[in-house]
Amino acid sequence: MFRVFTRLALQGFGGVLPVAQRMLVERQRWLSPVQFVELLAVAQILPGPNVVNLSLIVGDRFFGWRGALAAMGGMLLAPLAVVLALAALASQLQSMPAVAGALRGMGVVAAGLVAATAWKLAGGLKGNPLGWPACAAFGVLAAVTVGVLRWPLPWVLLLLGSAATAAAWWRIRS
């Protein structure tokens, strides 16, 4: 558990979510695409970094509190060492044009990875009681309210999450 989450954390430049999906669903096969989407939804409503929350949930699911601790340690220890080393070198690296260019390039790639992950996560919504059109509508609404209108994420989660939950509950009951 520790080893898998350490590898996951060290591969996640610009965002760990795409790597987490590939590692937990495709490589390790610990979760199905649907389980990944569901656990990610829970992780997102908890305070703290989404993927750290996800690591705790997955670790606990398979190995109890020891697994949760191992997964979280894997997610945090190696990246902490890397960040501390880079912070120590930051003053020398900031003035190098190659470093500035590399960071800008990584930002573009990170955005592409997030878009690719969204595409893959959409596959996990096939059996959702809302149906594909409603899921897409809620996804677009979330993207617009957070990305364009700049609404605070907790309010978007509360409002759209409540609406989507109510709609799914209504569909299941009818």
C-alpha atoms as a PDB file:
ATOM      1  CA  MET A   1       0.000   0.000   0.000  1.00  0.00           C
ATOM      2  CA  PHE A   2       2.783   2.412   0.987  1.00  0.00           C
ATOM      3  CA  ARG A   3       4.830   1.582  -2.122  1.00  0.00           C
ATOM      4  CA  VAL A   4       1.895   1.997  -4.518  1.00  0.00           C
ATOM      5  CA  PHE A   5       0.867   5.358  -3.088  1.00  0.00           C
ATOM      6  CA  THR A   6       4.475   6.592  -2.984  1.00  0.00           C
ATOM      7  CA  ARG A   7       4.832   5.779  -6.698  1.00  0.00           C
ATOM      8  CA  LEU A   8       1.486   7.418  -7.351  1.00  0.00           C
ATOM      9  CA  ALA A   9       2.492  10.593  -5.510  1.00  0.00           C
ATOM     10  CA  LEU A  10       5.870  10.882  -7.235  1.00  0.00           C
ATOM     11  CA  GLN A  11       4.293  10.584 -10.698  1.00  0.00           C
ATOM     12  CA  GLY A  12       1.668  13.238 -10.121  1.00  0.00           C
ATOM     13  CA  PHE A  13       3.283  16.436 -11.331  1.00  0.00           C
ATOM     14  CA  GLY A  14       0.571  19.023 -11.872  1.00  0.00           C
ATOM     15  CA  GLY A  15      -2.086  16.786 -10.383  1.00  0.00           C
ATOM     16  CA  VAL A  16      -2.241  13.275  -9.026  1.00  0.00           C
ATOM     17  CA  LEU A  17      -5.817  12.472 -10.034  1.00  0.00           C
ATOM     18  CA  PRO A  18      -5.001  11.133 -13.528  1.00  0.00           C
ATOM     19  CA  VAL A  19      -2.232   8.984 -12.070  1.00  0.00           C
ATOM     20  CA  ALA A  20      -4.493   7.784  -9.241  1.00  0.00           C
ATOM     21  CA  GLN A  21      -7.167   6.689 -11.692  1.00  0.00           C
ATOM     22  CA  ARG A  22      -4.644   4.810 -13.822  1.00  0.00           C
ATOM     23  CA  MET A  23      -2.895   3.231 -10.826  1.00  0.00           C
ATOM     24  CA  LEU A  24      -5.927   2.214  -8.751  1.00  0.00           C
ATOM     25  CA  VAL A  25      -8.297   1.217 -11.575  1.00  0.00           C
ATOM     26  CA  GLU A  26      -6.153   0.137 -14.515  1.00  0.00           C
ATOM     27  CA  ARG A  27      -2.901  -1.152 -13.005  1.00  0.00           C
ATOM     28  CA  GLN A  28      -3.664  -2.435  -9.504  1.00  0.00           C
ATOM     29  CA  ARG A  29      -7.333  -3.168 -10.288  1.00  0.00           C
ATOM     30  CA  TRP A  30      -8.195  -2.404  -6.682  1.00  0.00           C
ATOM     31  CA  LEU A  31     -11.221  -0.381  -7.784  1.00  0.00           C
ATOM     32  CA  SER A  32     -13.641  -0.518 -10.676  1.00  0.00           C
ATOM     33  CA  PRO A  33     -14.227   2.712 -12.629  1.00  0.00           C
ATOM     34  CA  VAL A  34     -17.565   3.120 -10.827  1.00  0.00           C
ATOM     35  CA  GLN A  35     -15.997   2.571  -7.395  1.00  0.00           C
ATOM     36  CA  PHE A  36     -13.272   5.092  -8.217  1.00  0.00           C
ATOM     37  CA  VAL A  37     -15.834   7.748  -9.175  1.00  0.00           C
ATOM     38  CA  GLU A  38     -17.902   7.063  -6.056  1.00  0.00           C
ATOM     39  CA  LEU A  39     -14.925   7.134  -3.669  1.00  0.00           C
ATOM     40  CA  LEU A  40     -13.553  10.240  -5.363  1.00  0.00           C
ATOM     41  CA  ALA A  41     -16.914  11.946  -4.814  1.00  0.00           C
ATOM     42  CA  VAL A  42     -16.681  11.151  -1.098  1.00  0.00           C
ATOM     43  CA  ALA A  43     -13.048  12.309  -0.991  1.00  0.00           C
ATOM     44  CA  GLN A  44     -13.980  15.615  -2.621  1.00  0.00           C
ATOM     45  CA  ILE A  45     -16.570  16.562  -0.027  1.00  0.00           C
ATOM     46  CA  LEU A  46     -14.130  15.977   2.837  1.00  0.00           C
ATOM     47  CA  PRO A  47     -11.763  18.769   3.868  1.00  0.00           C
ATOM     48  CA  GLY A  48      -8.200  18.390   2.616  1.00  0.00           C
ATOM     49  CA  PRO A  49      -6.551  17.326  -0.628  1.00  0.00           C
ATOM     50  CA  ASN A  50      -8.828  15.038  -2.650  1.00  0.00           C
ATOM     51  CA  VAL A  51      -6.251  12.396  -3.481  1.00  0.00           C
ATOM     52  CA  VAL A  52      -4.916  12.239   0.087  1.00  0.00           C
ATOM     53  CA  ASN A  53      -8.503  11.695   1.243  1.00  0.00           C
ATOM     54  CA  LEU A  54      -8.888   9.045  -1.462  1.00  0.00           C
ATOM     55  CA  SER A  55      -5.712   7.311  -0.283  1.00  0.00           C
ATOM     56  CA  LEU A  56      -7.090   7.158   3.259  1.00  0.00           C
ATOM     57  CA  ILE A  57     -10.386   5.702   2.054  1.00  0.00           C
ATOM     58  CA  VAL A  58      -8.732   3.084  -0.180  1.00  0.00           C
ATOM     59  CA  GLY A  59      -6.151   2.147   2.450  1.00  0.00           C
ATOM     60  CA  ASP A  60      -8.851   1.744   5.085  1.00  0.00           C
ATOM     61  CA  ARG A  61     -11.063  -0.294   2.757  1.00  0.00           C
ATOM     62  CA  PHE A  62      -8.366  -2.910   2.148  1.00  0.00           C
ATOM     63  CA  PHE A  63      -6.263  -2.927   5.344  1.00  0.00           C
ATOM     64  CA  GLY A  64      -8.115  -0.933   7.994  1.00  0.00           C
ATOM     65  CA  TRP A  65      -6.437   1.908   9.846  1.00  0.00           C
ATOM     66  CA  ARG A  66      -2.967   0.490   9.127  1.00  0.00           C
ATOM     67  CA  GLY A  67      -3.676   0.585   5.400  1.00  0.00           C
ATOM     68  CA  ALA A  68      -5.021   4.124   5.691  1.00  0.00           C
ATOM     69  CA  LEU A  69      -1.859   5.195   7.514  1.00  0.00           C
ATOM     70  CA  ALA A  70       0.409   3.434   4.994  1.00  0.00           C
ATOM     71  CA  ALA A  71      -1.438   4.925   2.014  1.00  0.00           C
ATOM     72  CA  MET A  72      -1.383   8.436   3.471  1.00  0.00           C
ATOM     73  CA  GLY A  73       2.303   8.083   4.367  1.00  0.00           C
ATOM     74  CA  GLY A  74       3.022   7.019   0.813  1.00  0.00           C
ATOM     75  CA  MET A  75       1.114  10.010  -0.544  1.00  0.00           C
ATOM     76  CA  LEU A  76       2.875  12.547   1.676  1.00  0.00           C
ATOM     77  CA  LEU A  77       6.409  11.526   2.701  1.00  0.00           C
ATOM     78  CA  ALA A  78       8.280  11.363  -0.623  1.00  0.00           C
ATOM     79  CA  PRO A  79       6.607  14.499  -2.067  1.00  0.00           C
ATOM     80  CA  LEU A  80       7.412  16.326   1.175  1.00  0.00           C
ATOM     81  CA  ALA A  81      11.097  15.449   0.755  1.00  0.00           C
ATOM     82  CA  VAL A  82      11.040  16.628  -2.884  1.00  0.00           C
ATOM     83  CA  VAL A  83       9.298  19.904  -1.993  1.00  0.00           C
ATOM     84  CA  LEU A  84      11.726  20.600   0.847  1.00  0.00           C
ATOM     85  CA  ALA A  85      14.701  19.979  -1.467  1.00  0.00           C
ATOM     86  CA  LEU A  86      13.236  22.224  -4.178  1.00  0.00           C
ATOM     87  CA  ALA A  87      12.442  24.934  -1.626  1.00  0.00           C
ATOM     88  CA  ALA A  88      16.079  24.897  -0.563  1.00  0.00           C
ATOM     89  CA  LEU A  89      17.125  25.377  -4.215  1.00  0.00           C
ATOM     90  CA  ALA A  90      14.319  27.769  -5.204  1.00  0.00           C
ATOM     91  CA  SER A  91      16.302  30.993  -5.030  1.00  0.00           C
ATOM     92  CA  GLN A  92      18.922  29.660  -7.464  1.00  0.00           C
ATOM     93  CA  LEU A  93      16.376  28.022  -9.806  1.00  0.00           C
ATOM     94  CA  GLN A  94      13.913  30.936 -10.113  1.00  0.00           C
ATOM     95  CA  SER A  95      16.209  33.070 -12.215  1.00  0.00           C
ATOM     96  CA  MET A  96      16.867  30.370 -14.825  1.00  0.00           C
ATOM     97  CA  PRO A  97      14.785  30.879 -18.017  1.00  0.00           C
ATOM     98  CA  ALA A  98      14.785  27.135 -18.718  1.00  0.00           C
ATOM     99  CA  VAL A  99      13.133  26.449 -15.352  1.00  0.00           C
ATOM    100  CA  ALA A 100      10.454  29.107 -15.958  1.00  0.00           C
ATOM    101  CA  GLY A 101       9.744  27.640 -19.399  1.00  0.00           C
ATOM    102  CA  ALA A 102       9.583  24.113 -18.033  1.00  0.00           C
ATOM    103  CA  LEU A 103       7.054  25.157 -15.401  1.00  0.00           C
ATOM    104  CA  ARG A 104       4.847  26.829 -18.008  1.00  0.00           C
ATOM    105  CA  GLY A 105       5.017  23.728 -20.182  1.00  0.00           C
ATOM    106  CA  MET A 106       4.107  21.472 -17.261  1.00  0.00           C
ATOM    107  CA  GLY A 107       1.063  23.650 -16.558  1.00  0.00           C
ATOM    108  CA  VAL A 108      -0.297  23.001 -20.047  1.00  0.00           C
ATOM    109  CA  VAL A 109       0.319  19.273 -19.738  1.00  0.00           C
ATOM    110  CA  ALA A 110      -1.345  19.208 -16.305  1.00  0.00           C
ATOM    111  CA  ALA A 111      -4.482  20.798 -17.771  1.00  0.00           C
ATOM    112  CA  GLY A 112      -4.509  18.151 -20.490  1.00  0.00           C
ATOM    113  CA  LEU A 113      -4.142  15.379 -17.908  1.00  0.00           C
ATOM    114  CA  VAL A 114      -7.104  16.728 -15.948  1.00  0.00           C
ATOM    115  CA  ALA A 115      -9.216  16.816 -19.130  1.00  0.00           C
ATOM    116  CA  ALA A 116      -8.181  13.244 -20.000  1.00  0.00           C
ATOM    117  CA  THR A 117      -9.066  12.099 -16.490  1.00  0.00           C
ATOM    118  CA  ALA A 118     -12.494  13.724 -16.748  1.00  0.00           C
ATOM    119  CA  TRP A 119     -13.030  11.799 -19.976  1.00  0.00           C
ATOM    120  CA  LYS A 120     -12.041   8.509 -18.305  1.00  0.00           C
ATOM    121  CA  LEU A 121     -14.139   9.209 -15.205  1.00  0.00           C
ATOM    122  CA  ALA A 122     -17.188   9.776 -17.399  1.00  0.00           C
ATOM    123  CA  GLY A 123     -17.040   6.081 -18.297  1.00  0.00           C
ATOM    124  CA  GLY A 124     -17.734   5.232 -14.662  1.00  0.00           C
ATOM    125  CA  LEU A 125     -21.088   7.019 -14.890  1.00  0.00           C
ATOM    126  CA  LYS A 126     -22.654   4.471 -17.269  1.00  0.00           C
ATOM    127  CA  GLY A 127     -24.857   2.883 -14.616  1.00  0.00           C
ATOM    128  CA  ASN A 128     -25.679   6.142 -12.848  1.00  0.00           C
ATOM    129  CA  PRO A 129     -29.421   6.459 -12.175  1.00  0.00           C
ATOM    130  CA  LEU A 130     -29.423  10.032 -13.483  1.00  0.00           C
ATOM    131  CA  GLY A 131     -28.517   8.928 -16.990  1.00  0.00           C
ATOM    132  CA  TRP A 132     -25.805  10.339 -19.212  1.00  0.00           C
ATOM    133  CA  PRO A 133     -27.521  13.657 -20.194  1.00  0.00           C
ATOM    134  CA  ALA A 134     -28.197  14.669 -16.576  1.00  0.00           C
ATOM    135  CA  CYS A 135     -24.672  13.662 -15.499  1.00  0.00           C
ATOM    136  CA  ALA A 136     -23.219  15.740 -18.336  1.00  0.00           C
ATOM    137  CA  ALA A 137     -25.441  18.691 -17.386  1.00  0.00           C
ATOM    138  CA  PHE A 138     -24.314  18.564 -13.747  1.00  0.00           C
ATOM    139  CA  GLY A 139     -20.690  18.279 -14.884  1.00  0.00           C
ATOM    140  CA  VAL A 140     -20.983  21.289 -17.187  1.00  0.00           C
ATOM    141  CA  LEU A 141     -22.765  23.276 -14.458  1.00  0.00           C
ATOM    142  CA  ALA A 142     -19.975  22.450 -12.007  1.00  0.00           C
ATOM    143  CA  ALA A 143     -17.278  23.460 -14.502  1.00  0.00           C
ATOM    144  CA  VAL A 144     -19.022  26.732 -15.369  1.00  0.00           C
ATOM    145  CA  THR A 145     -19.838  27.756 -11.805  1.00  0.00           C
ATOM    146  CA  VAL A 146     -16.321  27.073 -10.530  1.00  0.00           C
ATOM    147  CA  GLY A 147     -14.207  27.777 -13.617  1.00  0.00           C
ATOM    148  CA  VAL A 148     -16.074  30.668 -15.251  1.00  0.00           C
ATOM    149  CA  LEU A 149     -18.247  32.245 -12.571  1.00  0.00           C
ATOM    150  CA  ARG A 150     -15.619  31.627  -9.867  1.00  0.00           C
ATOM    151  CA  TRP A 151     -18.123  30.477  -7.264  1.00  0.00           C
ATOM    152  CA  PRO A 152     -16.525  28.997  -4.133  1.00  0.00           C
ATOM    153  CA  LEU A 153     -16.072  25.240  -4.485  1.00  0.00           C
ATOM    154  CA  PRO A 154     -17.751  24.366  -1.146  1.00  0.00           C
ATOM    155  CA  TRP A 155     -20.942  26.161  -2.251  1.00  0.00           C
ATOM    156  CA  VAL A 156     -20.918  24.469  -5.639  1.00  0.00           C
ATOM    157  CA  LEU A 157     -20.440  21.072  -3.986  1.00  0.00           C
ATOM    158  CA  LEU A 158     -23.233  21.796  -1.533  1.00  0.00           C
ATOM    159  CA  LEU A 159     -25.714  23.135  -4.094  1.00  0.00           C
ATOM    160  CA  LEU A 160     -25.019  20.929  -7.111  1.00  0.00           C
ATOM    161  CA  GLY A 161     -24.182  17.911  -4.973  1.00  0.00           C
ATOM    162  CA  SER A 162     -27.484  18.243  -3.134  1.00  0.00           C
ATOM    163  CA  ALA A 163     -29.389  18.713  -6.383  1.00  0.00           C
ATOM    164  CA  ALA A 164     -27.705  15.712  -8.035  1.00  0.00           C
ATOM    165  CA  THR A 165     -28.261  13.567  -4.946  1.00  0.00           C
ATOM    166  CA  ALA A 166     -31.935  14.543  -4.793  1.00  0.00           C
ATOM    167  CA  ALA A 167     -32.386  13.882  -8.516  1.00  0.00           C
ATOM    168  CA  ALA A 168     -30.699  10.460  -8.255  1.00  0.00           C
ATOM    169  CA  TRP A 169     -32.783   9.570  -5.196  1.00  0.00           C
ATOM    170  CA  TRP A 170     -35.960  10.610  -7.014  1.00  0.00           C
ATOM    171  CA  ARG A 171     -35.037   8.512 -10.077  1.00  0.00           C
ATOM    172  CA  ILE A 172     -34.246   5.466  -7.942  1.00  0.00           C
ATOM    173  CA  ARG A 173     -37.524   5.769  -6.030  1.00  0.00           C
ATOM    174  CA  SER A 174     -39.712   6.169  -9.110  1.00  0.00           C
END
